[in-house]
């Protein structure tokens, strides 16, 4: 993945609406001697129309941040607003419904359903949103073709390589055209050419009207696709890089 660093159209930073707004969020796991503070008063913001990377060492809180943004993990204190909806105080059922309609996930461990075929796995978000099975499976087949797996629709995940499973997970995340796509290491199991293709798909998705993509990554090959990069360390946000600073960061890691 050797995209020309930051040569794509940059987000108009003053015009774009916030897609995710996080202020002063803390999250603690465990109690007593096993207590770990994963997020320490984190402030984070990303905008509609941008692809935003979150980078930093393992265990610094990146995945925890995305989990609280998605509403899959409770947090201790602070404010979270996603796509104009304030998550604070929402009932779990309402958060689940909101997430199912508006958020797509690409998990590092894929989280595919082993008893379903690839087409059926990709169809799941559409079926949950009331789309007919025929239409859902047609959409799933098209998406599998877009990620280079058009001939694998009737295979089950256990019959695929790790990289192929990752591509099925990416197709599933895109299937219901979510406004926010959250990715945890989406290129970790992919070779250079496939990773380049997948990042092109995610970049295109990020720039659709009213949409946004947030990616947690350790993969420097993805950096050139970013509109902004947030660095995290020890449960806190450090630098937020854009413009010239982002270009310098990309150059350093290319």
Foldseek 3Di string as FASTA:
>chain_A
DAPPAPPPDFDPVVPFAWQKWWFQWWAWDDDDPPIATQAGGATDIDTAQFEEEEEEDPSQNPVVVVCVQLVVDDTDDTWMDGLNRTPPPDDSVVSVVCSLQAEFEQEPQLPFDQVQFLLVRLLVSVVVVPHDPVVSSVLSLVQCVLLPNNVRRRPGPVVDDPLSSLSSSLSSRPRNLHQEYEYEASCVRPDDVSSVSSLVVVSVSRRDPNHHYYYYHPDLSNLSSGQWYWYGGNNYTDDIDHDPRSVVVNVVSD
